[in-house]
Amino acid sequence: MHTYIPEGYKSLLSVYDTQKAIGLMKRLFEDTFAPALNLFRVSAPLFVDGDSGINDNLNGYERPVSFDILHTGAHAQVVQSLAKWKRLALKRYQFHVGEGLYTDMNAIRRDEELDNLHSAYVDQWDWEKIIAREERNPEFLKATVRSIVGALADTQSFLRTVFPQLCVLPQLSTDVSFVTSQELEDLYPDLTPKERENAFVKEHGTTFLMQIGRKLRSGKPHDGRAPDYDDWSLNGDILVWYEPLDCAFELSSMGIRVDPAALDRQLTISGCDDRRELMYHKMLLSGELPLTIGGGIGQSRMSMLMLGKAHIGEVQASVWDEETIETCKNAGIMLL
């Protein structure tokens, strides 16, 4: 656990104005982002059946929060993300090609390392859209990324008209640089994956780092990805350079999802063949689920970026260790 306070940091907005700005920002973004991708809002579960295979396994080592439901006997798990649930919902709700859904996703990640950007509570816009077979390609993925970045930039611009104090912050660039994880390793072979991200994004600004999950020529993946939602050849993270913390800042993880062939391949590569017997995976392998693209956009991360905050606890309520609480208190930072 580590908390870094930038020298001379002071919040641009009071706690009261911070809450107002977060509410406005969320409404503005949804009103811009949803029509840009043709998405419709739906309700989403806080927990799912732990034996269904629907919960997101993330990197495979995170422990989901689980509990029993007295009158059903079900073993429930608090969602870690809605990556799989959304695809099932698109089928159940009878969406068509070119249509999608988005929802507020709230999760608990009990094993998350706590620092300026990470907490045990996760809030994001989860979205998923049905695509045609011919749209499973890098160019369609890149076009979708540009639409999301455009919606982010439009939201930031409008927010500044209401809170002019925010105009001192850098404007989000809509000129997206695209780079694969292998290209990044080739550029910076002596750096760690996180150091590579920092070096590239500091120089290039808004970046979409592609093809995360599969092993690189070094023998290791850039970062872990579950084998059963993103196609590792058609996914990536939206990153921006964040001056207050002097680091690359991930706003979104997204991608074109696995089709039956990609799922079959990635389950074998990752040693997860036992999942083939789960309900969700059986449906996907048999071609019963639609082809989709989807991802998550961090709400607290976006709030930090738009409002220039130094710590994620300034824009969301969570539980922190005593060291973090004391460090922030001494710096005049109020954790919600």
C-alpha atoms as a PDB file:
ATOM      1  CA  MET A   1       0.000   0.000   0.000  1.00  0.00           C
ATOM      2  CA  HIS A   2       1.374   3.363  -0.995  1.00  0.00           C
ATOM      3  CA  THR A   3      -0.093   6.839  -1.049  1.00  0.00           C
ATOM      4  CA  TYR A   4       1.668   9.595  -2.949  1.00  0.00           C
ATOM      5  CA  ILE A   5       0.758  13.246  -2.386  1.00  0.00           C
ATOM      6  CA  PRO A   6       1.994  15.608  -5.130  1.00  0.00           C
ATOM      7  CA  GLU A   7       3.992  18.534  -3.789  1.00  0.00           C
ATOM      8  CA  GLY A   8       1.760  21.548  -3.212  1.00  0.00           C
ATOM      9  CA  TYR A   9      -1.410  19.621  -4.091  1.00  0.00           C
ATOM     10  CA  LYS A  10      -4.712  21.302  -3.305  1.00  0.00           C
ATOM     11  CA  SER A  11      -8.106  20.266  -4.606  1.00  0.00           C
ATOM     12  CA  LEU A  12      -9.522  22.601  -7.232  1.00  0.00           C
ATOM     13  CA  LEU A  13     -13.047  22.061  -5.903  1.00  0.00           C
ATOM     14  CA  SER A  14     -14.560  21.959  -2.428  1.00  0.00           C
ATOM     15  CA  VAL A  15     -16.066  18.683  -1.218  1.00  0.00           C
ATOM     16  CA  TYR A  16     -19.543  20.042  -1.971  1.00  0.00           C
ATOM     17  CA  ASP A  17     -18.636  21.164  -5.498  1.00  0.00           C
ATOM     18  CA  THR A  18     -16.796  17.888  -6.045  1.00  0.00           C
ATOM     19  CA  GLN A  19     -20.031  15.981  -5.425  1.00  0.00           C
ATOM     20  CA  LYS A  20     -21.959  18.304  -7.753  1.00  0.00           C
ATOM     21  CA  ALA A  21     -19.324  17.960 -10.457  1.00  0.00           C
ATOM     22  CA  ILE A  22     -19.271  14.154 -10.246  1.00  0.00           C
ATOM     23  CA  GLY A  23     -23.043  13.971 -10.655  1.00  0.00           C
ATOM     24  CA  LEU A  24     -22.986  16.349 -13.618  1.00  0.00           C
ATOM     25  CA  MET A  25     -20.044  14.570 -15.223  1.00  0.00           C
ATOM     26  CA  LYS A  26     -21.802  11.199 -15.075  1.00  0.00           C
ATOM     27  CA  ARG A  27     -24.981  12.568 -16.647  1.00  0.00           C
ATOM     28  CA  LEU A  28     -23.044  14.387 -19.363  1.00  0.00           C
ATOM     29  CA  PHE A  29     -20.953  11.357 -20.256  1.00  0.00           C
ATOM     30  CA  GLU A  30     -23.892   8.968 -20.439  1.00  0.00           C
ATOM     31  CA  ASP A  31     -25.788  11.416 -22.660  1.00  0.00           C
ATOM     32  CA  THR A  32     -22.797  11.604 -25.035  1.00  0.00           C
ATOM     33  CA  PHE A  33     -21.370   8.095 -24.871  1.00  0.00           C
ATOM     34  CA  ALA A  34     -24.613   6.082 -25.188  1.00  0.00           C
ATOM     35  CA  PRO A  35     -25.837   7.559 -28.498  1.00  0.00           C
ATOM     36  CA  ALA A  36     -22.316   7.523 -29.952  1.00  0.00           C
ATOM     37  CA  LEU A  37     -22.249   3.712 -29.611  1.00  0.00           C
ATOM     38  CA  ASN A  38     -26.031   3.135 -29.854  1.00  0.00           C
ATOM     39  CA  LEU A  39     -26.318   1.805 -26.311  1.00  0.00           C
ATOM     40  CA  PHE A  40     -29.386   1.531 -24.086  1.00  0.00           C
ATOM     41  CA  ARG A  41     -29.318   1.619 -20.298  1.00  0.00           C
ATOM     42  CA  VAL A  42     -30.275  -1.551 -18.383  1.00  0.00           C
ATOM     43  CA  SER A  43     -30.260  -2.670 -14.755  1.00  0.00           C
ATOM     44  CA  ALA A  44     -27.465  -4.985 -13.654  1.00  0.00           C
ATOM     45  CA  PRO A  45     -26.920  -7.475 -10.829  1.00  0.00           C
ATOM     46  CA  LEU A  46     -24.759  -6.820  -7.787  1.00  0.00           C
ATOM     47  CA  PHE A  47     -24.184 -10.576  -7.409  1.00  0.00           C
ATOM     48  CA  VAL A  48     -24.514 -13.711  -9.552  1.00  0.00           C
ATOM     49  CA  ASP A  49     -24.680 -17.487  -9.040  1.00  0.00           C
ATOM     50  CA  GLY A  50     -21.137 -18.526  -8.165  1.00  0.00           C
ATOM     51  CA  ASP A  51     -21.489 -21.876  -9.942  1.00  0.00           C
ATOM     52  CA  SER A  52     -22.616 -20.446 -13.297  1.00  0.00           C
ATOM     53  CA  GLY A  53     -19.245 -19.252 -14.606  1.00  0.00           C
ATOM     54  CA  ILE A  54     -20.757 -15.801 -15.202  1.00  0.00           C
ATOM     55  CA  ASN A  55     -18.574 -13.901 -12.763  1.00  0.00           C
ATOM     56  CA  ASP A  56     -15.390 -12.336 -14.115  1.00  0.00           C
ATOM     57  CA  ASN A  57     -12.277 -14.194 -12.956  1.00  0.00           C
ATOM     58  CA  LEU A  58     -10.085 -11.155 -13.754  1.00  0.00           C
ATOM     59  CA  ASN A  59      -6.467 -12.386 -13.552  1.00  0.00           C
ATOM     60  CA  GLY A  60      -7.477 -15.655 -11.906  1.00  0.00           C
ATOM     61  CA  TYR A  61      -6.086 -15.092  -8.416  1.00  0.00           C
ATOM     62  CA  GLU A  62      -8.555 -12.533  -7.030  1.00  0.00           C
ATOM     63  CA  ARG A  63     -10.992 -13.946  -4.473  1.00  0.00           C
ATOM     64  CA  PRO A  64     -14.618 -12.959  -5.116  1.00  0.00           C
ATOM     65  CA  VAL A  65     -16.766 -12.006  -2.158  1.00  0.00           C
ATOM     66  CA  SER A  66     -19.246 -14.862  -1.702  1.00  0.00           C
ATOM     67  CA  PHE A  67     -22.208 -15.690   0.493  1.00  0.00           C
ATOM     68  CA  ASP A  68     -25.152 -18.072   0.643  1.00  0.00           C
ATOM     69  CA  ILE A  69     -28.778 -17.116   0.040  1.00  0.00           C
ATOM     70  CA  LEU A  70     -30.839 -18.709   2.778  1.00  0.00           C
ATOM     71  CA  HIS A  71     -34.068 -19.608   0.981  1.00  0.00           C
ATOM     72  CA  THR A  72     -32.602 -20.716  -2.349  1.00  0.00           C
ATOM     73  CA  GLY A  73     -29.459 -22.516  -1.247  1.00  0.00           C
ATOM     74  CA  ALA A  74     -27.558 -20.625  -3.945  1.00  0.00           C
ATOM     75  CA  HIS A  75     -23.868 -19.815  -3.570  1.00  0.00           C
ATOM     76  CA  ALA A  76     -23.759 -16.170  -4.651  1.00  0.00           C
ATOM     77  CA  GLN A  77     -20.743 -14.058  -5.595  1.00  0.00           C
ATOM     78  CA  VAL A  78     -20.505 -10.278  -5.706  1.00  0.00           C
ATOM     79  CA  VAL A  79     -19.545  -9.436  -9.297  1.00  0.00           C
ATOM     80  CA  GLN A  80     -15.950  -8.510 -10.088  1.00  0.00           C
ATOM     81  CA  SER A  81     -17.136  -7.164 -13.432  1.00  0.00           C
ATOM     82  CA  LEU A  82     -20.062  -7.847 -15.766  1.00  0.00           C
ATOM     83  CA  ALA A  83     -18.024  -8.956 -18.776  1.00  0.00           C
ATOM     84  CA  LYS A  84     -19.930 -12.220 -19.214  1.00  0.00           C
ATOM     85  CA  TRP A  85     -23.312 -11.225 -17.805  1.00  0.00           C
ATOM     86  CA  LYS A  86     -23.671  -8.474 -20.430  1.00  0.00           C
ATOM     87  CA  ARG A  87     -23.283 -10.883 -23.321  1.00  0.00           C
ATOM     88  CA  LEU A  88     -25.939 -13.163 -21.911  1.00  0.00           C
ATOM     89  CA  ALA A  89     -28.212 -10.156 -21.352  1.00  0.00           C
ATOM     90  CA  LEU A  90     -27.912  -9.088 -25.001  1.00  0.00           C
ATOM     91  CA  LYS A  91     -29.192 -12.516 -26.037  1.00  0.00           C
ATOM     92  CA  ARG A  92     -31.936 -12.662 -23.404  1.00  0.00           C
ATOM     93  CA  TYR A  93     -33.171  -9.126 -24.111  1.00  0.00           C
ATOM     94  CA  GLN A  94     -33.218  -9.832 -27.875  1.00  0.00           C
ATOM     95  CA  PHE A  95     -30.868  -7.050 -28.950  1.00  0.00           C
ATOM     96  CA  HIS A  96     -29.817  -6.940 -32.609  1.00  0.00           C
ATOM     97  CA  VAL A  97     -26.575  -6.292 -34.487  1.00  0.00           C
ATOM     98  CA  GLY A  98     -25.509  -2.680 -33.980  1.00  0.00           C
ATOM     99  CA  GLU A  99     -27.380  -2.362 -30.666  1.00  0.00           C
ATOM    100  CA  GLY A 100     -25.888  -2.525 -27.207  1.00  0.00           C
ATOM    101  CA  LEU A 101     -26.401  -1.915 -23.515  1.00  0.00           C
ATOM    102  CA  TYR A 102     -24.653  -0.074 -20.726  1.00  0.00           C
ATOM    103  CA  THR A 103     -25.084  -0.133 -16.989  1.00  0.00           C
ATOM    104  CA  ASP A 104     -23.609   1.004 -13.689  1.00  0.00           C
ATOM    105  CA  MET A 105     -21.388  -1.754 -12.340  1.00  0.00           C
ATOM    106  CA  ASN A 106     -20.441  -1.776  -8.659  1.00  0.00           C
ATOM    107  CA  ALA A 107     -17.971  -4.410  -7.501  1.00  0.00           C
ATOM    108  CA  ILE A 108     -15.865  -5.413  -4.528  1.00  0.00           C
ATOM    109  CA  ARG A 109     -12.299  -6.474  -5.194  1.00  0.00           C
ATOM    110  CA  ARG A 110     -11.044  -7.579  -1.816  1.00  0.00           C
ATOM    111  CA  ASP A 111      -7.511  -8.423  -2.992  1.00  0.00           C
ATOM    112  CA  GLU A 112      -6.856  -5.113  -4.763  1.00  0.00           C
ATOM    113  CA  GLU A 113      -3.664  -3.332  -3.742  1.00  0.00           C
ATOM    114  CA  LEU A 114      -4.631   0.032  -2.283  1.00  0.00           C
ATOM    115  CA  ASP A 115      -2.973   3.196  -3.566  1.00  0.00           C
ATOM    116  CA  ASN A 116      -3.877   6.514  -5.203  1.00  0.00           C
ATOM    117  CA  LEU A 117      -5.656   4.787  -8.100  1.00  0.00           C
ATOM    118  CA  HIS A 118      -6.965   1.548  -6.581  1.00  0.00           C
ATOM    119  CA  SER A 119      -9.493   0.731  -3.877  1.00  0.00           C
ATOM    120  CA  ALA A 120     -11.539  -2.272  -2.800  1.00  0.00           C
ATOM    121  CA  TYR A 121     -14.619  -0.665  -4.363  1.00  0.00           C
ATOM    122  CA  VAL A 122     -14.950  -0.494  -8.138  1.00  0.00           C
ATOM    123  CA  ASP A 123     -17.508   1.588 -10.019  1.00  0.00           C
ATOM    124  CA  GLN A 124     -17.623   1.711 -13.785  1.00  0.00           C
ATOM    125  CA  TRP A 125     -19.847   1.919 -16.807  1.00  0.00           C
ATOM    126  CA  ASP A 126     -19.995  -1.600 -18.186  1.00  0.00           C
ATOM    127  CA  TRP A 127     -21.109  -1.748 -21.815  1.00  0.00           C
ATOM    128  CA  GLU A 128     -21.558  -4.393 -24.505  1.00  0.00           C
ATOM    129  CA  LYS A 129     -22.698  -4.228 -28.138  1.00  0.00           C
ATOM    130  CA  ILE A 130     -23.600  -6.863 -30.731  1.00  0.00           C
ATOM    131  CA  ILE A 131     -21.431  -6.750 -33.848  1.00  0.00           C
ATOM    132  CA  ALA A 132     -21.362  -8.530 -37.189  1.00  0.00           C
ATOM    133  CA  ARG A 133     -18.768 -11.188 -37.999  1.00  0.00           C
ATOM    134  CA  GLU A 134     -17.003  -8.831 -40.448  1.00  0.00           C
ATOM    135  CA  GLU A 135     -16.574  -6.244 -37.670  1.00  0.00           C
ATOM    136  CA  ARG A 136     -14.262  -8.505 -35.673  1.00  0.00           C
ATOM    137  CA  ASN A 137     -11.169  -6.631 -36.823  1.00  0.00           C
ATOM    138  CA  PRO A 138      -8.667  -4.049 -35.496  1.00  0.00           C
ATOM    139  CA  GLU A 139     -10.092  -1.150 -37.501  1.00  0.00           C
ATOM    140  CA  PHE A 140     -13.560  -1.521 -35.998  1.00  0.00           C
ATOM    141  CA  LEU A 141     -11.977  -1.731 -32.554  1.00  0.00           C
ATOM    142  CA  LYS A 142      -9.979   1.458 -33.197  1.00  0.00           C
ATOM    143  CA  ALA A 143     -13.050   3.325 -34.458  1.00  0.00           C
ATOM    144  CA  THR A 144     -14.914   2.397 -31.274  1.00  0.00           C
ATOM    145  CA  VAL A 145     -11.997   3.615 -29.150  1.00  0.00           C
ATOM    146  CA  ARG A 146     -12.045   6.962 -30.964  1.00  0.00           C
ATOM    147  CA  SER A 147     -15.788   7.317 -30.283  1.00  0.00           C
ATOM    148  CA  ILE A 148     -15.268   6.711 -26.556  1.00  0.00           C
ATOM    149  CA  VAL A 149     -12.354   9.154 -26.353  1.00  0.00           C
ATOM    150  CA  GLY A 150     -14.462  11.736 -28.198  1.00  0.00           C
ATOM    151  CA  ALA A 151     -17.244  11.353 -25.650  1.00  0.00           C
ATOM    152  CA  LEU A 152     -14.728  11.761 -22.808  1.00  0.00           C
ATOM    153  CA  ALA A 153     -13.312  14.942 -24.346  1.00  0.00           C
ATOM    154  CA  ASP A 154     -16.779  16.421 -24.974  1.00  0.00           C
ATOM    155  CA  THR A 155     -17.736  15.725 -21.357  1.00  0.00           C
ATOM    156  CA  GLN A 156     -14.594  17.424 -20.091  1.00  0.00           C
ATOM    157  CA  SER A 157     -15.185  20.502 -22.254  1.00  0.00           C
ATOM    158  CA  PHE A 158     -18.764  20.967 -21.038  1.00  0.00           C
ATOM    159  CA  LEU A 159     -17.808  20.353 -17.413  1.00  0.00           C
ATOM    160  CA  ARG A 160     -15.316  23.221 -17.631  1.00  0.00           C
ATOM    161  CA  THR A 161     -18.030  25.649 -18.648  1.00  0.00           C
ATOM    162  CA  VAL A 162     -19.807  24.946 -15.350  1.00  0.00           C
ATOM    163  CA  PHE A 163     -16.658  24.715 -13.207  1.00  0.00           C
ATOM    164  CA  PRO A 164     -14.095  27.084 -14.806  1.00  0.00           C
ATOM    165  CA  GLN A 165     -11.599  26.255 -12.012  1.00  0.00           C
ATOM    166  CA  LEU A 166     -10.959  23.023 -13.941  1.00  0.00           C
ATOM    167  CA  CYS A 167      -9.589  24.878 -16.979  1.00  0.00           C
ATOM    168  CA  VAL A 168      -6.077  24.749 -15.477  1.00  0.00           C
ATOM    169  CA  LEU A 169      -6.054  20.973 -16.110  1.00  0.00           C
ATOM    170  CA  PRO A 170      -4.731  19.585 -19.425  1.00  0.00           C
ATOM    171  CA  GLN A 171      -7.335  19.053 -22.137  1.00  0.00           C
ATOM    172  CA  LEU A 172      -7.810  15.408 -23.061  1.00  0.00           C
ATOM    173  CA  SER A 173      -6.395  14.810 -26.538  1.00  0.00           C
ATOM    174  CA  THR A 174      -8.620  13.015 -29.039  1.00  0.00           C
ATOM    175  CA  ASP A 175      -5.588  12.130 -31.192  1.00  0.00           C
ATOM    176  CA  VAL A 176      -5.222   8.500 -30.127  1.00  0.00           C
ATOM    177  CA  SER A 177      -1.927   6.637 -30.534  1.00  0.00           C
ATOM    178  CA  PHE A 178      -2.328   2.896 -31.124  1.00  0.00           C
ATOM    179  CA  VAL A 179       0.410   0.463 -30.078  1.00  0.00           C
ATOM    180  CA  THR A 180       0.469  -3.277 -29.417  1.00  0.00           C
ATOM    181  CA  SER A 181       1.942  -4.814 -26.271  1.00  0.00           C
ATOM    182  CA  GLN A 182       4.619  -6.504 -28.420  1.00  0.00           C
ATOM    183  CA  GLU A 183       5.553  -3.213 -30.074  1.00  0.00           C
ATOM    184  CA  LEU A 184       5.817  -1.695 -26.607  1.00  0.00           C
ATOM    185  CA  GLU A 185       8.117  -4.479 -25.425  1.00  0.00           C
ATOM    186  CA  ASP A 186      10.268  -4.047 -28.549  1.00  0.00           C
ATOM    187  CA  LEU A 187      10.538  -0.299 -27.896  1.00  0.00           C
ATOM    188  CA  TYR A 188      11.458  -0.678 -24.216  1.00  0.00           C
ATOM    189  CA  PRO A 189      12.876  -4.219 -23.723  1.00  0.00           C
ATOM    190  CA  ASP A 190      14.642  -3.330 -20.463  1.00  0.00           C
ATOM    191  CA  LEU A 191      11.607  -1.792 -18.755  1.00  0.00           C
ATOM    192  CA  THR A 192       8.785  -3.431 -16.798  1.00  0.00           C
ATOM    193  CA  PRO A 193       5.309  -3.412 -18.390  1.00  0.00           C
ATOM    194  CA  LYS A 194       4.207  -0.487 -16.211  1.00  0.00           C
ATOM    195  CA  GLU A 195       7.401   1.449 -16.974  1.00  0.00           C
ATOM    196  CA  ARG A 196       6.805   0.860 -20.695  1.00  0.00           C
ATOM    197  CA  GLU A 197       3.308   2.301 -20.396  1.00  0.00           C
ATOM    198  CA  ASN A 198       4.623   5.357 -18.565  1.00  0.00           C
ATOM    199  CA  ALA A 199       7.370   5.979 -21.118  1.00  0.00           C
ATOM    200  CA  PHE A 200       5.100   5.652 -24.159  1.00  0.00           C
ATOM    201  CA  VAL A 201       2.045   7.495 -22.834  1.00  0.00           C
ATOM    202  CA  LYS A 202       4.105  10.401 -21.473  1.00  0.00           C
ATOM    203  CA  GLU A 203       5.474  10.960 -24.968  1.00  0.00           C
ATOM    204  CA  HIS A 204       2.353  10.197 -27.032  1.00  0.00           C
ATOM    205  CA  GLY A 205      -0.583  11.234 -24.831  1.00  0.00           C
ATOM    206  CA  THR A 206      -3.906   9.429 -25.275  1.00  0.00           C
ATOM    207  CA  THR A 207      -3.018   5.823 -26.101  1.00  0.00           C
ATOM    208  CA  PHE A 208      -4.790   2.577 -26.848  1.00  0.00           C
ATOM    209  CA  LEU A 209      -2.516  -0.295 -25.833  1.00  0.00           C
ATOM    210  CA  MET A 210      -3.592  -3.351 -27.816  1.00  0.00           C
ATOM    211  CA  GLN A 211      -3.318  -7.144 -27.612  1.00  0.00           C
ATOM    212  CA  ILE A 212      -3.097  -7.720 -23.869  1.00  0.00           C
ATOM    213  CA  GLY A 213      -3.162 -11.219 -22.412  1.00  0.00           C
ATOM    214  CA  ARG A 214      -1.124 -13.378 -24.728  1.00  0.00           C
ATOM    215  CA  LYS A 215       2.559 -14.119 -24.174  1.00  0.00           C
ATOM    216  CA  LEU A 216       5.082 -11.787 -25.766  1.00  0.00           C
ATOM    217  CA  ARG A 217       8.413 -12.805 -27.275  1.00  0.00           C
ATOM    218  CA  SER A 218       9.926 -12.430 -23.809  1.00  0.00           C
ATOM    219  CA  GLY A 219       7.716 -15.326 -22.707  1.00  0.00           C
ATOM    220  CA  LYS A 220       5.475 -13.238 -20.464  1.00  0.00           C
ATOM    221  CA  PRO A 221       2.225 -11.343 -21.200  1.00  0.00           C
ATOM    222  CA  HIS A 222       2.154  -7.568 -20.768  1.00  0.00           C
ATOM    223  CA  ASP A 223      -0.633  -8.048 -18.238  1.00  0.00           C
ATOM    224  CA  GLY A 224      -3.078 -10.749 -17.255  1.00  0.00           C
ATOM    225  CA  ARG A 225      -6.481 -11.104 -18.905  1.00  0.00           C
ATOM    226  CA  ALA A 226      -9.130 -13.748 -18.312  1.00  0.00           C
ATOM    227  CA  PRO A 227      -9.322 -16.162 -21.273  1.00  0.00           C
ATOM    228  CA  ASP A 228     -13.092 -16.157 -21.608  1.00  0.00           C
ATOM    229  CA  TYR A 229     -14.208 -12.645 -22.519  1.00  0.00           C
ATOM    230  CA  ASP A 230     -11.687 -10.559 -24.538  1.00  0.00           C
ATOM    231  CA  ASP A 231     -10.089 -11.937 -27.668  1.00  0.00           C
ATOM    232  CA  TRP A 232      -6.437 -11.282 -26.771  1.00  0.00           C
ATOM    233  CA  SER A 233      -5.674 -10.253 -30.357  1.00  0.00           C
ATOM    234  CA  LEU A 234      -8.522  -7.684 -30.417  1.00  0.00           C
ATOM    235  CA  ASN A 235      -8.496  -5.943 -27.040  1.00  0.00           C
ATOM    236  CA  GLY A 236      -6.716  -3.152 -25.183  1.00  0.00           C
ATOM    237  CA  ASP A 237      -6.640  -0.377 -22.588  1.00  0.00           C
ATOM    238  CA  ILE A 238      -7.290   3.342 -23.035  1.00  0.00           C
ATOM    239  CA  LEU A 239      -4.475   5.207 -21.272  1.00  0.00           C
ATOM    240  CA  VAL A 240      -3.813   8.912 -20.741  1.00  0.00           C
ATOM    241  CA  TRP A 241      -0.932  10.776 -19.092  1.00  0.00           C
ATOM    242  CA  TYR A 242      -1.945  12.105 -15.693  1.00  0.00           C
ATOM    243  CA  GLU A 243       0.192  15.043 -14.611  1.00  0.00           C
ATOM    244  CA  PRO A 244      -0.814  15.176 -10.905  1.00  0.00           C
ATOM    245  CA  LEU A 245       0.523  11.652 -10.301  1.00  0.00           C
ATOM    246  CA  ASP A 246       3.126  11.656 -13.100  1.00  0.00           C
ATOM    247  CA  CYS A 247       1.979   8.326 -14.514  1.00  0.00           C
ATOM    248  CA  ALA A 248       0.020   6.588 -17.251  1.00  0.00           C
ATOM    249  CA  PHE A 249      -3.593   6.434 -16.174  1.00  0.00           C
ATOM    250  CA  GLU A 250      -5.952   3.651 -17.342  1.00  0.00           C
ATOM    251  CA  LEU A 251      -9.485   4.835 -18.046  1.00  0.00           C
ATOM    252  CA  SER A 252     -10.913   1.800 -19.788  1.00  0.00           C
ATOM    253  CA  SER A 253     -10.273  -1.854 -20.533  1.00  0.00           C
ATOM    254  CA  MET A 254     -12.194  -3.137 -23.545  1.00  0.00           C
ATOM    255  CA  GLY A 255     -12.141  -5.349 -26.574  1.00  0.00           C
ATOM    256  CA  ILE A 256     -13.861  -7.472 -29.155  1.00  0.00           C
ATOM    257  CA  ARG A 257     -15.000 -10.575 -27.312  1.00  0.00           C
ATOM    258  CA  VAL A 258     -14.017 -14.171 -27.938  1.00  0.00           C
ATOM    259  CA  ASP A 259     -15.878 -16.143 -30.558  1.00  0.00           C
ATOM    260  CA  PRO A 260     -16.021 -19.965 -30.176  1.00  0.00           C
ATOM    261  CA  ALA A 261     -12.633 -20.449 -31.875  1.00  0.00           C
ATOM    262  CA  ALA A 262     -10.866 -17.804 -29.772  1.00  0.00           C
ATOM    263  CA  LEU A 263     -12.410 -19.133 -26.545  1.00  0.00           C
ATOM    264  CA  ASP A 264     -11.368 -22.685 -27.399  1.00  0.00           C
ATOM    265  CA  ARG A 265      -7.813 -21.526 -28.063  1.00  0.00           C
ATOM    266  CA  GLN A 266      -7.480 -19.267 -25.011  1.00  0.00           C
ATOM    267  CA  LEU A 267      -8.927 -21.782 -22.545  1.00  0.00           C
ATOM    268  CA  THR A 268      -6.284 -24.292 -23.633  1.00  0.00           C
ATOM    269  CA  ILE A 269      -3.421 -21.763 -23.567  1.00  0.00           C
ATOM    270  CA  SER A 270      -4.341 -20.599 -20.068  1.00  0.00           C
ATOM    271  CA  GLY A 271      -4.924 -24.084 -18.651  1.00  0.00           C
ATOM    272  CA  CYS A 272      -8.594 -23.407 -17.972  1.00  0.00           C
ATOM    273  CA  ASP A 273     -10.163 -26.301 -19.871  1.00  0.00           C
ATOM    274  CA  ASP A 274     -12.248 -27.165 -16.801  1.00  0.00           C
ATOM    275  CA  ARG A 275     -14.411 -24.105 -17.555  1.00  0.00           C
ATOM    276  CA  ARG A 276     -15.747 -25.772 -20.701  1.00  0.00           C
ATOM    277  CA  GLU A 277     -18.345 -27.521 -18.542  1.00  0.00           C
ATOM    278  CA  LEU A 278     -19.801 -24.282 -17.147  1.00  0.00           C
ATOM    279  CA  MET A 279     -23.126 -23.035 -18.495  1.00  0.00           C
ATOM    280  CA  TYR A 280     -21.797 -19.791 -19.958  1.00  0.00           C
ATOM    281  CA  HIS A 281     -18.842 -21.439 -21.672  1.00  0.00           C
ATOM    282  CA  LYS A 282     -20.964 -24.233 -23.141  1.00  0.00           C
ATOM    283  CA  MET A 283     -23.284 -21.643 -24.683  1.00  0.00           C
ATOM    284  CA  LEU A 284     -20.383 -19.660 -26.108  1.00  0.00           C
ATOM    285  CA  LEU A 285     -18.528 -22.676 -27.515  1.00  0.00           C
ATOM    286  CA  SER A 286     -21.699 -23.901 -29.229  1.00  0.00           C
ATOM    287  CA  GLY A 287     -22.260 -20.516 -30.887  1.00  0.00           C
ATOM    288  CA  GLU A 288     -25.413 -19.642 -28.924  1.00  0.00           C
ATOM    289  CA  LEU A 289     -24.221 -16.178 -27.856  1.00  0.00           C
ATOM    290  CA  PRO A 290     -23.956 -13.130 -30.145  1.00  0.00           C
ATOM    291  CA  LEU A 291     -20.617 -11.730 -31.299  1.00  0.00           C
ATOM    292  CA  THR A 292     -19.904  -8.622 -29.258  1.00  0.00           C
ATOM    293  CA  ILE A 293     -17.547  -5.814 -28.355  1.00  0.00           C
ATOM    294  CA  GLY A 294     -17.535  -4.355 -24.868  1.00  0.00           C
ATOM    295  CA  GLY A 295     -15.643  -3.012 -21.909  1.00  0.00           C
ATOM    296  CA  GLY A 296     -15.646  -0.999 -18.747  1.00  0.00           C
ATOM    297  CA  ILE A 297     -15.005   2.714 -18.213  1.00  0.00           C
ATOM    298  CA  GLY A 298     -13.953   3.635 -14.701  1.00  0.00           C
ATOM    299  CA  GLN A 299     -16.254   6.190 -13.113  1.00  0.00           C
ATOM    300  CA  SER A 300     -13.945   7.091 -10.233  1.00  0.00           C
ATOM    301  CA  ARG A 301     -10.936   7.161 -12.560  1.00  0.00           C
ATOM    302  CA  MET A 302     -12.805   9.484 -14.889  1.00  0.00           C
ATOM    303  CA  SER A 303     -13.804  11.684 -11.938  1.00  0.00           C
ATOM    304  CA  MET A 304     -10.158  11.928 -10.858  1.00  0.00           C
ATOM    305  CA  LEU A 305      -9.080  12.911 -14.365  1.00  0.00           C
ATOM    306  CA  MET A 306     -11.827  15.467 -14.950  1.00  0.00           C
ATOM    307  CA  LEU A 307     -11.483  17.068 -11.490  1.00  0.00           C
ATOM    308  CA  GLY A 308      -7.714  16.829 -11.077  1.00  0.00           C
ATOM    309  CA  LYS A 309      -7.818  14.744  -7.898  1.00  0.00           C
ATOM    310  CA  ALA A 310      -4.733  13.156  -6.328  1.00  0.00           C
ATOM    311  CA  HIS A 311      -6.448  10.208  -4.644  1.00  0.00           C
ATOM    312  CA  ILE A 312      -9.356   8.017  -5.678  1.00  0.00           C
ATOM    313  CA  GLY A 313     -10.755   8.312  -2.143  1.00  0.00           C
ATOM    314  CA  GLU A 314     -11.584  11.950  -2.938  1.00  0.00           C
ATOM    315  CA  VAL A 315     -14.235  10.855  -5.451  1.00  0.00           C
ATOM    316  CA  GLN A 316     -15.582   7.588  -3.977  1.00  0.00           C
ATOM    317  CA  ALA A 317     -16.369   6.178  -0.551  1.00  0.00           C
ATOM    318  CA  SER A 318     -14.368   3.097   0.440  1.00  0.00           C
ATOM    319  CA  VAL A 319     -12.385   1.562   3.311  1.00  0.00           C
ATOM    320  CA  TRP A 320      -8.729   2.512   3.799  1.00  0.00           C
ATOM    321  CA  ASP A 321      -5.813   1.487   5.985  1.00  0.00           C
ATOM    322  CA  GLU A 322      -4.714   3.779   8.801  1.00  0.00           C
ATOM    323  CA  GLU A 323      -1.537   4.851   7.008  1.00  0.00           C
ATOM    324  CA  THR A 324      -3.485   6.092   3.986  1.00  0.00           C
ATOM    325  CA  ILE A 325      -6.017   7.885   6.186  1.00  0.00           C
ATOM    326  CA  GLU A 326      -3.275   9.615   8.181  1.00  0.00           C
ATOM    327  CA  THR A 327      -1.235  10.556   5.094  1.00  0.00           C
ATOM    328  CA  CYS A 328      -4.250  12.139   3.406  1.00  0.00           C
ATOM    329  CA  LYS A 329      -5.336  13.901   6.605  1.00  0.00           C
ATOM    330  CA  ASN A 330      -1.903  15.462   7.045  1.00  0.00           C
ATOM    331  CA  ALA A 331      -2.039  16.673   3.430  1.00  0.00           C
ATOM    332  CA  GLY A 332      -5.478  18.234   3.899  1.00  0.00           C
ATOM    333  CA  ILE A 333      -7.157  15.652   1.677  1.00  0.00           C
ATOM    334  CA  MET A 334     -10.622  14.491   2.712  1.00  0.00           C
ATOM    335  CA  LEU A 335     -11.382  10.876   1.941  1.00  0.00           C
ATOM    336  CA  LEU A 336     -15.109  10.357   1.365  1.00  0.00           C
END
